[in-house]
Structure formats: structure tokens, C-alpha cells
Amino acid sequence: MPEARLAAGVWIAAYLRRLALAGIPAYVTRHGDDTAGAVMVKCATLDGRASLWTREWDLETDRRLWVRLNDAPEPEIDAEIARNAARDPDLWVVEIESRDGRTLLDQDGLA
């Protein structure tokens, strides 16, 4: 059975709250469409590197999963975000700062 979809703005608000409760600083750096915008998560490890995450469909389970697209120097990640934003005006981008790379995206309710 396909999963129910939350409006992007609602999901973002819940994610930011969960990150705040875990003591992980997070910022919306690009505000997309409140209802149907795609979401990318940039995790800056504060050492000049970052990872970039997005949700993709897992055709075997018919569920959406978070997938790390890239792990690279931060300017490369920023350029990749800019390319995606140029193609998708509805794109949301959340940037988190986590030295250990913790995103919480593997927790229940965030997938």
C-alpha cells in the first residue's frame, strides 16, 4: 500500500523540530512549494565537507527512502543544490550542521 504523503511544509516543520530536540542546528536555506515541493537535506560536517540527501522511490517496497546523493567538499554540494534548484522552483533545501554527520533521516516518521 502506498504511503500517505505529508505536505512538504508540514514535514519540514516536523523535521526542524526533531533536529532542534536532538541539539542539531538546522536552517531552511531554500523555501519550496508548501504542499508538494521536493526536499533536499545538506549535512555540513564543519570540516569543509558535506553530504546531500534526497528522497527516492524504492520500487520493491513502494516506499520513499532517503538516499545520500553525494559526499564531497561543501562547494561541490552547494553547486549540486544550485543545479537542482534551477530545474525545480518548488525545491526545499534544509541545511544542518552536524560534525558526526547525523541527519536523523533514518528515524521512524522521517522516511
PDB file of N, CA and C in Angstrom:
ATOM      1  N   MET A   1       0.843  -1.180   0.000  1.00  0.00           N
ATOM      2  CA  MET A   1       0.000   0.000   0.000  1.00  0.00           C
ATOM      3  C   MET A   1       0.885   1.240   0.000  1.00  0.00           C
ATOM      4  N   PRO A   2       0.645   2.178  -0.896  1.00  0.00           N
ATOM      5  CA  PRO A   2       1.457   3.390  -0.935  1.00  0.00           C
ATOM      6  C   PRO A   2       1.307   4.191   0.353  1.00  0.00           C
ATOM      7  N   GLU A   3       2.384   4.835   0.737  1.00  0.00           N
ATOM      8  CA  GLU A   3       2.366   5.622   1.965  1.00  0.00           C
ATOM      9  C   GLU A   3       1.654   6.946   1.743  1.00  0.00           C
ATOM     10  N   ALA A   4       1.062   7.467   2.817  1.00  0.00           N
ATOM     11  CA  ALA A   4       0.429   8.784   2.746  1.00  0.00           C
ATOM     12  C   ALA A   4       1.518   9.840   2.674  1.00  0.00           C
ATOM     13  N   ARG A   5       1.233  10.919   1.960  1.00  0.00           N
ATOM     14  CA  ARG A   5       2.232  11.985   1.800  1.00  0.00           C
ATOM     15  C   ARG A   5       1.833  13.186   2.616  1.00  0.00           C
ATOM     16  N   LEU A   6       2.771  13.678   3.389  1.00  0.00           N
ATOM     17  CA  LEU A   6       2.580  14.929   4.109  1.00  0.00           C
ATOM     18  C   LEU A   6       2.917  16.085   3.193  1.00  0.00           C
ATOM     19  N   ALA A   7       2.253  17.201   3.406  1.00  0.00           N
ATOM     20  CA  ALA A   7       2.634  18.416   2.690  1.00  0.00           C
ATOM     21  C   ALA A   7       4.078  18.741   3.062  1.00  0.00           C
ATOM     22  N   ALA A   8       4.833  19.236   2.109  1.00  0.00           N
ATOM     23  CA  ALA A   8       6.263  19.493   2.329  1.00  0.00           C
ATOM     24  C   ALA A   8       6.488  20.431   3.504  1.00  0.00           C
ATOM     25  N   GLY A   9       5.705  21.497   3.602  1.00  0.00           N
ATOM     26  CA  GLY A   9       5.880  22.450   4.695  1.00  0.00           C
ATOM     27  C   GLY A   9       5.660  21.826   6.059  1.00  0.00           C
ATOM     28  N   VAL A  10       4.705  20.907   6.161  1.00  0.00           N
ATOM     29  CA  VAL A  10       4.438  20.208   7.425  1.00  0.00           C
ATOM     30  C   VAL A  10       5.609  19.296   7.763  1.00  0.00           C
ATOM     31  N   TRP A  11       6.105  18.553   6.768  1.00  0.00           N
ATOM     32  CA  TRP A  11       7.236  17.658   7.005  1.00  0.00           C
ATOM     33  C   TRP A  11       8.463  18.450   7.456  1.00  0.00           C
ATOM     34  N   ILE A  12       8.726  19.581   6.788  1.00  0.00           N
ATOM     35  CA  ILE A  12       9.882  20.420   7.127  1.00  0.00           C
ATOM     36  C   ILE A  12       9.774  20.894   8.576  1.00  0.00           C
ATOM     37  N   ALA A  13       8.602  21.373   8.978  1.00  0.00           N
ATOM     38  CA  ALA A  13       8.414  21.865  10.346  1.00  0.00           C
ATOM     39  C   ALA A  13       8.670  20.752  11.359  1.00  0.00           C
ATOM     40  N   ALA A  14       8.174  19.559  11.082  1.00  0.00           N
ATOM     41  CA  ALA A  14       8.387  18.430  11.993  1.00  0.00           C
ATOM     42  C   ALA A  14       9.870  18.045  12.047  1.00  0.00           C
ATOM     43  N   TYR A  15      10.528  18.039  10.898  1.00  0.00           N
ATOM     44  CA  TYR A  15      11.951  17.691  10.843  1.00  0.00           C
ATOM     45  C   TYR A  15      12.791  18.704  11.612  1.00  0.00           C
ATOM     46  N   LEU A  16      12.517  19.986  11.412  1.00  0.00           N
ATOM     47  CA  LEU A  16      13.267  21.018  12.134  1.00  0.00           C
ATOM     48  C   LEU A  16      13.072  20.884  13.643  1.00  0.00           C
ATOM     49  N   ARG A  17      11.861  20.554  14.051  1.00  0.00           N
ATOM     50  CA  ARG A  17      11.590  20.376  15.486  1.00  0.00           C
ATOM     51  C   ARG A  17      12.374  19.189  16.035  1.00  0.00           C
ATOM     52  N   ARG A  18      12.370  18.090  15.301  1.00  0.00           N
ATOM     53  CA  ARG A  18      13.099  16.904  15.758  1.00  0.00           C
ATOM     54  C   ARG A  18      14.595  17.181  15.838  1.00  0.00           C
ATOM     55  N   LEU A  19      15.133  17.893  14.848  1.00  0.00           N
ATOM     56  CA  LEU A  19      16.548  18.256  14.883  1.00  0.00           C
ATOM     57  C   LEU A  19      16.857  19.154  16.084  1.00  0.00           C
ATOM     58  N   ALA A  20      15.979  20.113  16.350  1.00  0.00           N
ATOM     59  CA  ALA A  20      16.182  21.012  17.492  1.00  0.00           C
ATOM     60  C   ALA A  20      16.193  20.234  18.800  1.00  0.00           C
ATOM     61  N   LEU A  21      15.289  19.279  18.941  1.00  0.00           N
ATOM     62  CA  LEU A  21      15.244  18.461  20.159  1.00  0.00           C
ATOM     63  C   LEU A  21      16.516  17.625  20.329  1.00  0.00           C
ATOM     64  N   ALA A  22      17.154  17.278  19.210  1.00  0.00           N
ATOM     65  CA  ALA A  22      18.403  16.496  19.254  1.00  0.00           C
ATOM     66  C   ALA A  22      19.626  17.400  19.360  1.00  0.00           C
ATOM     67  N   GLY A  23      19.413  18.715  19.393  1.00  0.00           N
ATOM     68  CA  GLY A  23      20.540  19.644  19.507  1.00  0.00           C
ATOM     69  C   GLY A  23      21.341  19.799  18.225  1.00  0.00           C
ATOM     70  N   ILE A  24      20.703  19.558  17.088  1.00  0.00           N
ATOM     71  CA  ILE A  24      21.375  19.676  15.795  1.00  0.00           C
ATOM     72  C   ILE A  24      20.881  20.957  15.118  1.00  0.00           C
ATOM     73  N   PRO A  25      21.763  21.949  14.919  1.00  0.00           N
ATOM     74  CA  PRO A  25      21.342  23.189  14.262  1.00  0.00           C
ATOM     75  C   PRO A  25      20.891  22.923  12.826  1.00  0.00           C
ATOM     76  N   ALA A  26      19.781  23.575  12.436  1.00  0.00           N
ATOM     77  CA  ALA A  26      19.241  23.386  11.091  1.00  0.00           C
ATOM     78  C   ALA A  26      18.575  24.666  10.622  1.00  0.00           C
ATOM     79  N   TYR A  27      18.648  24.868   9.302  1.00  0.00           N
ATOM     80  CA  TYR A  27      18.124  26.079   8.688  1.00  0.00           C
ATOM     81  C   TYR A  27      17.469  25.721   7.358  1.00  0.00           C
ATOM     82  N   VAL A  28      16.378  26.400   7.046  1.00  0.00           N
ATOM     83  CA  VAL A  28      15.801  26.294   5.714  1.00  0.00           C
ATOM     84  C   VAL A  28      16.549  27.309   4.857  1.00  0.00           C
ATOM     85  N   THR A  29      17.298  26.828   3.880  1.00  0.00           N
ATOM     86  CA  THR A  29      18.060  27.734   3.029  1.00  0.00           C
ATOM     87  C   THR A  29      17.365  27.971   1.696  1.00  0.00           C
ATOM     88  N   ARG A  30      16.331  27.193   1.424  1.00  0.00           N
ATOM     89  CA  ARG A  30      15.513  27.402   0.226  1.00  0.00           C
ATOM     90  C   ARG A  30      14.105  26.935   0.544  1.00  0.00           C
ATOM     91  N   HIS A  31      13.146  27.847   0.417  1.00  0.00           N
ATOM     92  CA  HIS A  31      11.747  27.559   0.707  1.00  0.00           C
ATOM     93  C   HIS A  31      11.049  27.198  -0.588  1.00  0.00           C
ATOM     94  N   GLY A  32      10.593  25.957  -0.662  1.00  0.00           N
ATOM     95  CA  GLY A  32       9.909  25.495  -1.859  1.00  0.00           C
ATOM     96  C   GLY A  32       8.405  25.592  -1.728  1.00  0.00           C
ATOM     97  N   ASP A  33       7.702  24.846  -2.549  1.00  0.00           N
ATOM     98  CA  ASP A  33       6.247  24.813  -2.519  1.00  0.00           C
ATOM     99  C   ASP A  33       5.779  24.164  -1.218  1.00  0.00           C
ATOM    100  N   ASP A  34       4.849  24.823  -0.525  1.00  0.00           N
ATOM    101  CA  ASP A  34       4.398  24.336   0.780  1.00  0.00           C
ATOM    102  C   ASP A  34       3.708  22.979   0.727  1.00  0.00           C
ATOM    103  N   THR A  35       3.107  22.656  -0.398  1.00  0.00           N
ATOM    104  CA  THR A  35       2.348  21.410  -0.438  1.00  0.00           C
ATOM    105  C   THR A  35       3.088  20.267  -1.112  1.00  0.00           C
ATOM    106  N   ALA A  36       3.772  20.551  -2.210  1.00  0.00           N
ATOM    107  CA  ALA A  36       4.306  19.434  -2.995  1.00  0.00           C
ATOM    108  C   ALA A  36       5.782  19.567  -3.355  1.00  0.00           C
ATOM    109  N   GLY A  37       6.499  20.440  -2.718  1.00  0.00           N
ATOM    110  CA  GLY A  37       7.899  20.618  -3.072  1.00  0.00           C
ATOM    111  C   GLY A  37       8.763  19.432  -2.678  1.00  0.00           C
ATOM    112  N   ALA A  38       9.748  19.128  -3.516  1.00  0.00           N
ATOM    113  CA  ALA A  38      10.741  18.112  -3.174  1.00  0.00           C
ATOM    114  C   ALA A  38      11.659  18.689  -2.094  1.00  0.00           C
ATOM    115  N   VAL A  39      12.328  17.798  -1.346  1.00  0.00           N
ATOM    116  CA  VAL A  39      13.195  18.229  -0.247  1.00  0.00           C
ATOM    117  C   VAL A  39      14.584  17.631  -0.421  1.00  0.00           C
ATOM    118  N   MET A  40      15.598  18.476  -0.252  1.00  0.00           N
ATOM    119  CA  MET A  40      16.982  18.016  -0.175  1.00  0.00           C
ATOM    120  C   MET A  40      17.509  18.442   1.186  1.00  0.00           C
ATOM    121  N   VAL A  41      18.344  17.590   1.762  1.00  0.00           N
ATOM    122  CA  VAL A  41      18.967  17.891   3.055  1.00  0.00           C
ATOM    123  C   VAL A  41      20.474  17.904   2.862  1.00  0.00           C
ATOM    124  N   LYS A  42      21.077  19.039   3.210  1.00  0.00           N
ATOM    125  CA  LYS A  42      22.534  19.171   3.171  1.00  0.00           C
ATOM    126  C   LYS A  42      23.025  19.044   4.609  1.00  0.00           C
ATOM    127  N   CYS A  43      23.982  18.164   4.828  1.00  0.00           N
ATOM    128  CA  CYS A  43      24.571  17.989   6.151  1.00  0.00           C
ATOM    129  C   CYS A  43      26.026  18.440   6.092  1.00  0.00           C
ATOM    130  N   ALA A  44      26.275  19.618   6.653  1.00  0.00           N
ATOM    131  CA  ALA A  44      27.635  20.157   6.708  1.00  0.00           C
ATOM    132  C   ALA A  44      28.308  19.636   7.966  1.00  0.00           C
ATOM    133  N   THR A  45      29.482  19.023   7.796  1.00  0.00           N
ATOM    134  CA  THR A  45      30.199  18.447   8.942  1.00  0.00           C
ATOM    135  C   THR A  45      31.210  19.415   9.542  1.00  0.00           C
ATOM    136  N   LEU A  46      31.204  20.652   9.067  1.00  0.00           N
ATOM    137  CA  LEU A  46      32.008  21.740   9.619  1.00  0.00           C
ATOM    138  C   LEU A  46      33.513  21.530   9.477  1.00  0.00           C
ATOM    139  N   ASP A  47      33.892  20.684   8.521  1.00  0.00           N
ATOM    140  CA  ASP A  47      35.306  20.461   8.218  1.00  0.00           C
ATOM    141  C   ASP A  47      35.583  20.716   6.732  1.00  0.00           C
ATOM    142  N   GLY A  48      34.653  21.440   6.096  1.00  0.00           N
ATOM    143  CA  GLY A  48      34.794  21.722   4.680  1.00  0.00           C
ATOM    144  C   GLY A  48      34.091  20.723   3.783  1.00  0.00           C
ATOM    145  N   ARG A  49      33.487  19.707   4.376  1.00  0.00           N
ATOM    146  CA  ARG A  49      32.793  18.679   3.602  1.00  0.00           C
ATOM    147  C   ARG A  49      31.312  18.692   3.963  1.00  0.00           C
ATOM    148  N   ALA A  50      30.529  18.070   3.097  1.00  0.00           N
ATOM    149  CA  ALA A  50      29.096  17.964   3.343  1.00  0.00           C
ATOM    150  C   ALA A  50      28.553  16.755   2.583  1.00  0.00           C
ATOM    151  N   SER A  51      27.370  16.334   2.989  1.00  0.00           N
ATOM    152  CA  SER A  51      26.658  15.298   2.248  1.00  0.00           C
ATOM    153  C   SER A  51      25.315  15.872   1.823  1.00  0.00           C
ATOM    154  N   LEU A  52      24.760  15.284   0.780  1.00  0.00           N
ATOM    155  CA  LEU A  52      23.490  15.746   0.242  1.00  0.00           C
ATOM    156  C   LEU A  52      22.543  14.560   0.141  1.00  0.00           C
ATOM    157  N   TRP A  53      21.357  14.741   0.697  1.00  0.00           N
ATOM    158  CA  TRP A  53      20.355  13.684   0.779  1.00  0.00           C
ATOM    159  C   TRP A  53      19.083  14.097   0.047  1.00  0.00           C
ATOM    160  N   THR A  54      18.393  13.124  -0.546  1.00  0.00           N
ATOM    161  CA  THR A  54      17.088  13.345  -1.154  1.00  0.00           C
ATOM    162  C   THR A  54      16.267  12.071  -1.016  1.00  0.00           C
ATOM    163  N   ARG A  55      14.961  12.205  -1.229  1.00  0.00           N
ATOM    164  CA  ARG A  55      14.093  11.031  -1.153  1.00  0.00           C
ATOM    165  C   ARG A  55      13.872  10.468  -2.541  1.00  0.00           C
ATOM    166  N   GLU A  56      13.933   9.146  -2.619  1.00  0.00           N
ATOM    167  CA  GLU A  56      13.690   8.445  -3.883  1.00  0.00           C
ATOM    168  C   GLU A  56      12.752   7.285  -3.618  1.00  0.00           C
ATOM    169  N   TRP A  57      12.043   6.876  -4.665  1.00  0.00           N
ATOM    170  CA  TRP A  57      11.138   5.733  -4.540  1.00  0.00           C
ATOM    171  C   TRP A  57      11.928   4.434  -4.560  1.00  0.00           C
ATOM    172  N   ASP A  58      11.598   3.540  -3.646  1.00  0.00           N
ATOM    173  CA  ASP A  58      12.098   2.173  -3.667  1.00  0.00           C
ATOM    174  C   ASP A  58      11.001   1.349  -4.324  1.00  0.00           C
ATOM    175  N   LEU A  59      11.226   0.948  -5.561  1.00  0.00           N
ATOM    176  CA  LEU A  59      10.182   0.265  -6.315  1.00  0.00           C
ATOM    177  C   LEU A  59       9.822  -1.093  -5.735  1.00  0.00           C
ATOM    178  N   GLU A  60      10.739  -1.716  -5.007  1.00  0.00           N
ATOM    179  CA  GLU A  60      10.455  -3.023  -4.418  1.00  0.00           C
ATOM    180  C   GLU A  60       9.460  -2.922  -3.272  1.00  0.00           C
ATOM    181  N   THR A  61       9.551  -1.859  -2.486  1.00  0.00           N
ATOM    182  CA  THR A  61       8.667  -1.720  -1.323  1.00  0.00           C
ATOM    183  C   THR A  61       7.578  -0.675  -1.540  1.00  0.00           C
ATOM    184  N   ASP A  62       7.625   0.051  -2.659  1.00  0.00           N
ATOM    185  CA  ASP A  62       6.689   1.128  -2.960  1.00  0.00           C
ATOM    186  C   ASP A  62       6.690   2.179  -1.843  1.00  0.00           C
ATOM    187  N   ARG A  63       7.868   2.464  -1.340  1.00  0.00           N
ATOM    188  CA  ARG A  63       8.044   3.475  -0.292  1.00  0.00           C
ATOM    189  C   ARG A  63       9.136   4.440  -0.713  1.00  0.00           C
ATOM    190  N   ARG A  64       9.103   5.601  -0.109  1.00  0.00           N
ATOM    191  CA  ARG A  64      10.155   6.579  -0.358  1.00  0.00           C
ATOM    192  C   ARG A  64      11.212   6.447   0.717  1.00  0.00           C
ATOM    193  N   LEU A  65      12.475   6.455   0.295  1.00  0.00           N
ATOM    194  CA  LEU A  65      13.608   6.308   1.196  1.00  0.00           C
ATOM    195  C   LEU A  65      14.560   7.479   1.006  1.00  0.00           C
ATOM    196  N   TRP A  66      15.259   7.847   2.073  1.00  0.00           N
ATOM    197  CA  TRP A  66      16.296   8.865   1.970  1.00  0.00           C
ATOM    198  C   TRP A  66      17.558   8.226   1.426  1.00  0.00           C
ATOM    199  N   VAL A  67      18.132   8.866   0.416  1.00  0.00           N
ATOM    200  CA  VAL A  67      19.328   8.362  -0.242  1.00  0.00           C
ATOM    201  C   VAL A  67      20.380   9.470  -0.239  1.00  0.00           C
ATOM    202  N   ARG A  68      21.614   9.098   0.135  1.00  0.00           N
ATOM    203  CA  ARG A  68      22.700  10.080   0.048  1.00  0.00           C
ATOM    204  C   ARG A  68      23.139  10.180  -1.400  1.00  0.00           C
ATOM    205  N   LEU A  69      22.973  11.368  -1.979  1.00  0.00           N
ATOM    206  CA  LEU A  69      23.355  11.597  -3.369  1.00  0.00           C
ATOM    207  C   LEU A  69      24.847  11.802  -3.525  1.00  0.00           C
ATOM    208  N   ASN A  70      25.441  12.478  -2.539  1.00  0.00           N
ATOM    209  CA  ASN A  70      26.835  12.863  -2.694  1.00  0.00           C
ATOM    210  C   ASN A  70      27.438  13.135  -1.329  1.00  0.00           C
ATOM    211  N   ASP A  71      28.727  12.941  -1.232  1.00  0.00           N
ATOM    212  CA  ASP A  71      29.536  13.285  -0.063  1.00  0.00           C
ATOM    213  C   ASP A  71      30.803  13.893  -0.652  1.00  0.00           C
ATOM    214  N   ALA A  72      30.963  15.216  -0.474  1.00  0.00           N
ATOM    215  CA  ALA A  72      32.012  15.916  -1.209  1.00  0.00           C
ATOM    216  C   ALA A  72      32.387  17.201  -0.484  1.00  0.00           C
ATOM    217  N   PRO A  73      33.388  17.918  -0.989  1.00  0.00           N
ATOM    218  CA  PRO A  73      33.671  19.245  -0.435  1.00  0.00           C
ATOM    219  C   PRO A  73      32.400  20.107  -0.514  1.00  0.00           C
ATOM    220  N   GLU A  74      32.207  20.946   0.486  1.00  0.00           N
ATOM    221  CA  GLU A  74      30.978  21.724   0.588  1.00  0.00           C
ATOM    222  C   GLU A  74      30.664  22.560  -0.656  1.00  0.00           C
ATOM    223  N   PRO A  75      31.646  23.194  -1.310  1.00  0.00           N
ATOM    224  CA  PRO A  75      31.305  23.954  -2.528  1.00  0.00           C
ATOM    225  C   PRO A  75      30.705  23.077  -3.634  1.00  0.00           C
ATOM    226  N   GLU A  76      31.133  21.827  -3.725  1.00  0.00           N
ATOM    227  CA  GLU A  76      30.559  20.920  -4.725  1.00  0.00           C
ATOM    228  C   GLU A  76      29.100  20.609  -4.402  1.00  0.00           C
ATOM    229  N   ILE A  77      28.814  20.415  -3.128  1.00  0.00           N
ATOM    230  CA  ILE A  77      27.441  20.153  -2.696  1.00  0.00           C
ATOM    231  C   ILE A  77      26.566  21.378  -2.991  1.00  0.00           C
ATOM    232  N   ASP A  78      27.089  22.567  -2.679  1.00  0.00           N
ATOM    233  CA  ASP A  78      26.337  23.797  -2.951  1.00  0.00           C
ATOM    234  C   ASP A  78      26.051  23.955  -4.443  1.00  0.00           C
ATOM    235  N   ALA A  79      27.008  23.598  -5.286  1.00  0.00           N
ATOM    236  CA  ALA A  79      26.804  23.678  -6.735  1.00  0.00           C
ATOM    237  C   ALA A  79      25.746  22.675  -7.186  1.00  0.00           C
ATOM    238  N   GLU A  80      25.754  21.500  -6.596  1.00  0.00           N
ATOM    239  CA  GLU A  80      24.747  20.488  -6.945  1.00  0.00           C
ATOM    240  C   GLU A  80      23.351  20.961  -6.535  1.00  0.00           C
ATOM    241  N   ILE A  81      23.247  21.582  -5.379  1.00  0.00           N
ATOM    242  CA  ILE A  81      21.959  22.134  -4.939  1.00  0.00           C
ATOM    243  C   ILE A  81      21.499  23.214  -5.905  1.00  0.00           C
ATOM    244  N   ALA A  82      22.406  24.098  -6.311  1.00  0.00           N
ATOM    245  CA  ALA A  82      22.059  25.176  -7.239  1.00  0.00           C
ATOM    246  C   ALA A  82      21.553  24.615  -8.565  1.00  0.00           C
ATOM    247  N   ARG A  83      22.175  23.554  -9.060  1.00  0.00           N
ATOM    248  CA  ARG A  83      21.717  22.938 -10.320  1.00  0.00           C
ATOM    249  C   ARG A  83      20.301  22.370 -10.159  1.00  0.00           C
ATOM    250  N   ASN A  84      20.061  21.714  -9.033  1.00  0.00           N
ATOM    251  CA  ASN A  84      18.731  21.155  -8.792  1.00  0.00           C
ATOM    252  C   ASN A  84      17.690  22.246  -8.627  1.00  0.00           C
ATOM    253  N   ALA A  85      18.043  23.317  -7.935  1.00  0.00           N
ATOM    254  CA  ALA A  85      17.109  24.430  -7.723  1.00  0.00           C
ATOM    255  C   ALA A  85      16.778  25.122  -9.050  1.00  0.00           C
ATOM    256  N   ALA A  86      17.724  25.185  -9.959  1.00  0.00           N
ATOM    257  CA  ALA A  86      17.474  25.804 -11.265  1.00  0.00           C
ATOM    258  C   ALA A  86      16.454  24.995 -12.070  1.00  0.00           C
ATOM    259  N   ARG A  87      16.441  23.683 -11.865  1.00  0.00           N
ATOM    260  CA  ARG A  87      15.490  22.812 -12.568  1.00  0.00           C
ATOM    261  C   ARG A  87      14.146  22.715 -11.859  1.00  0.00           C
ATOM    262  N   ASP A  88      14.136  22.942 -10.544  1.00  0.00           N
ATOM    263  CA  ASP A  88      12.922  22.721  -9.753  1.00  0.00           C
ATOM    264  C   ASP A  88      12.645  23.920  -8.848  1.00  0.00           C
ATOM    265  N   PRO A  89      11.778  24.829  -9.283  1.00  0.00           N
ATOM    266  CA  PRO A  89      11.500  26.025  -8.473  1.00  0.00           C
ATOM    267  C   PRO A  89      10.763  25.703  -7.172  1.00  0.00           C
ATOM    268  N   ASP A  90      10.210  24.501  -7.037  1.00  0.00           N
ATOM    269  CA  ASP A  90       9.477  24.112  -5.833  1.00  0.00           C
ATOM    270  C   ASP A  90      10.362  23.449  -4.781  1.00  0.00           C
ATOM    271  N   LEU A  91      11.647  23.314  -5.051  1.00  0.00           N
ATOM    272  CA  LEU A  91      12.585  22.585  -4.192  1.00  0.00           C
ATOM    273  C   LEU A  91      12.793  23.276  -2.846  1.00  0.00           C
ATOM    274  N   TRP A  92      12.733  22.480  -1.788  1.00  0.00           N
ATOM    275  CA  TRP A  92      13.122  22.910  -0.444  1.00  0.00           C
ATOM    276  C   TRP A  92      14.548  22.427  -0.189  1.00  0.00           C
ATOM    277  N   VAL A  93      15.328  23.211   0.557  1.00  0.00           N
ATOM    278  CA  VAL A  93      16.649  22.768   0.998  1.00  0.00           C
ATOM    279  C   VAL A  93      16.769  23.078   2.490  1.00  0.00           C
ATOM    280  N   VAL A  94      17.087  22.044   3.248  1.00  0.00           N
ATOM    281  CA  VAL A  94      17.363  22.186   4.677  1.00  0.00           C
ATOM    282  C   VAL A  94      18.847  21.929   4.861  1.00  0.00           C
ATOM    283  N   GLU A  95      19.524  22.837   5.545  1.00  0.00           N
ATOM    284  CA  GLU A  95      20.943  22.642   5.849  1.00  0.00           C
ATOM    285  C   GLU A  95      21.085  22.396   7.336  1.00  0.00           C
ATOM    286  N   ILE A  96      21.784  21.318   7.670  1.00  0.00           N
ATOM    287  CA  ILE A  96      22.052  21.028   9.075  1.00  0.00           C
ATOM    288  C   ILE A  96      23.556  21.048   9.302  1.00  0.00           C
ATOM    289  N   GLU A  97      23.941  21.319  10.546  1.00  0.00           N
ATOM    290  CA  GLU A  97      25.349  21.313  10.935  1.00  0.00           C
ATOM    291  C   GLU A  97      25.536  20.199  11.946  1.00  0.00           C
ATOM    292  N   SER A  98      26.295  19.191  11.544  1.00  0.00           N
ATOM    293  CA  SER A  98      26.476  18.018  12.391  1.00  0.00           C
ATOM    294  C   SER A  98      27.875  17.452  12.153  1.00  0.00           C
ATOM    295  N   ARG A  99      28.751  17.685  13.106  1.00  0.00           N
ATOM    296  CA  ARG A  99      30.140  17.211  12.953  1.00  0.00           C
ATOM    297  C   ARG A  99      30.229  15.712  12.686  1.00  0.00           C
ATOM    298  N   ASP A 100      29.319  14.951  13.278  1.00  0.00           N
ATOM    299  CA  ASP A 100      29.364  13.494  13.089  1.00  0.00           C
ATOM    300  C   ASP A 100      28.481  13.025  11.928  1.00  0.00           C
ATOM    301  N   GLY A 101      27.889  13.970  11.190  1.00  0.00           N
ATOM    302  CA  GLY A 101      27.091  13.613  10.020  1.00  0.00           C
ATOM    303  C   GLY A 101      25.703  13.098  10.336  1.00  0.00           C
ATOM    304  N   ARG A 102      25.254  13.276  11.559  1.00  0.00           N
ATOM    305  CA  ARG A 102      23.926  12.800  11.957  1.00  0.00           C
ATOM    306  C   ARG A 102      22.836  13.657  11.321  1.00  0.00           C
ATOM    307  N   THR A 103      21.896  13.005  10.639  1.00  0.00           N
ATOM    308  CA  THR A 103      20.807  13.714   9.974  1.00  0.00           C
ATOM    309  C   THR A 103      19.425  13.366  10.561  1.00  0.00           C
ATOM    310  N   LEU A 104      19.340  12.277  11.273  1.00  0.00           N
ATOM    311  CA  LEU A 104      18.093  11.727  11.817  1.00  0.00           C
ATOM    312  C   LEU A 104      17.154  11.187  10.724  1.00  0.00           C
ATOM    313  N   LEU A 105      17.570  11.216   9.488  1.00  0.00           N
ATOM    314  CA  LEU A 105      16.694  10.793   8.399  1.00  0.00           C
ATOM    315  C   LEU A 105      16.377   9.309   8.445  1.00  0.00           C
ATOM    316  N   ASP A 106      17.117   8.545   9.241  1.00  0.00           N
ATOM    317  CA  ASP A 106      16.857   7.127   9.365  1.00  0.00           C
ATOM    318  C   ASP A 106      15.846   6.802  10.472  1.00  0.00           C
ATOM    319  N   GLN A 107      15.364   7.820  11.170  1.00  0.00           N
ATOM    320  CA  GLN A 107      14.439   7.590  12.270  1.00  0.00           C
ATOM    321  C   GLN A 107      13.008   7.405  11.772  1.00  0.00           C
ATOM    322  N   ASP A 108      12.232   6.663  12.562  1.00  0.00           N
ATOM    323  CA  ASP A 108      10.820   6.458  12.228  1.00  0.00           C
ATOM    324  C   ASP A 108      10.117   7.795  12.084  1.00  0.00           C
ATOM    325  N   GLY A 109       9.232   7.858  11.110  1.00  0.00           N
ATOM    326  CA  GLY A 109       8.442   9.052  10.891  1.00  0.00           C
ATOM    327  C   GLY A 109       9.094  10.057   9.959  1.00  0.00           C
ATOM    328  N   LEU A 110      10.373   9.890   9.653  1.00  0.00           N
ATOM    329  CA  LEU A 110      11.038  10.834   8.765  1.00  0.00           C
ATOM    330  C   LEU A 110      11.249  10.270   7.365  1.00  0.00           C
ATOM    331  N   ALA A 111      11.134   8.985   7.227  1.00  0.00           N
ATOM    332  CA  ALA A 111      11.301   8.368   5.906  1.00  0.00           C
ATOM    333  C   ALA A 111      10.081   8.637   5.089  1.00  0.00           C
TER     334      ALA A 111
END
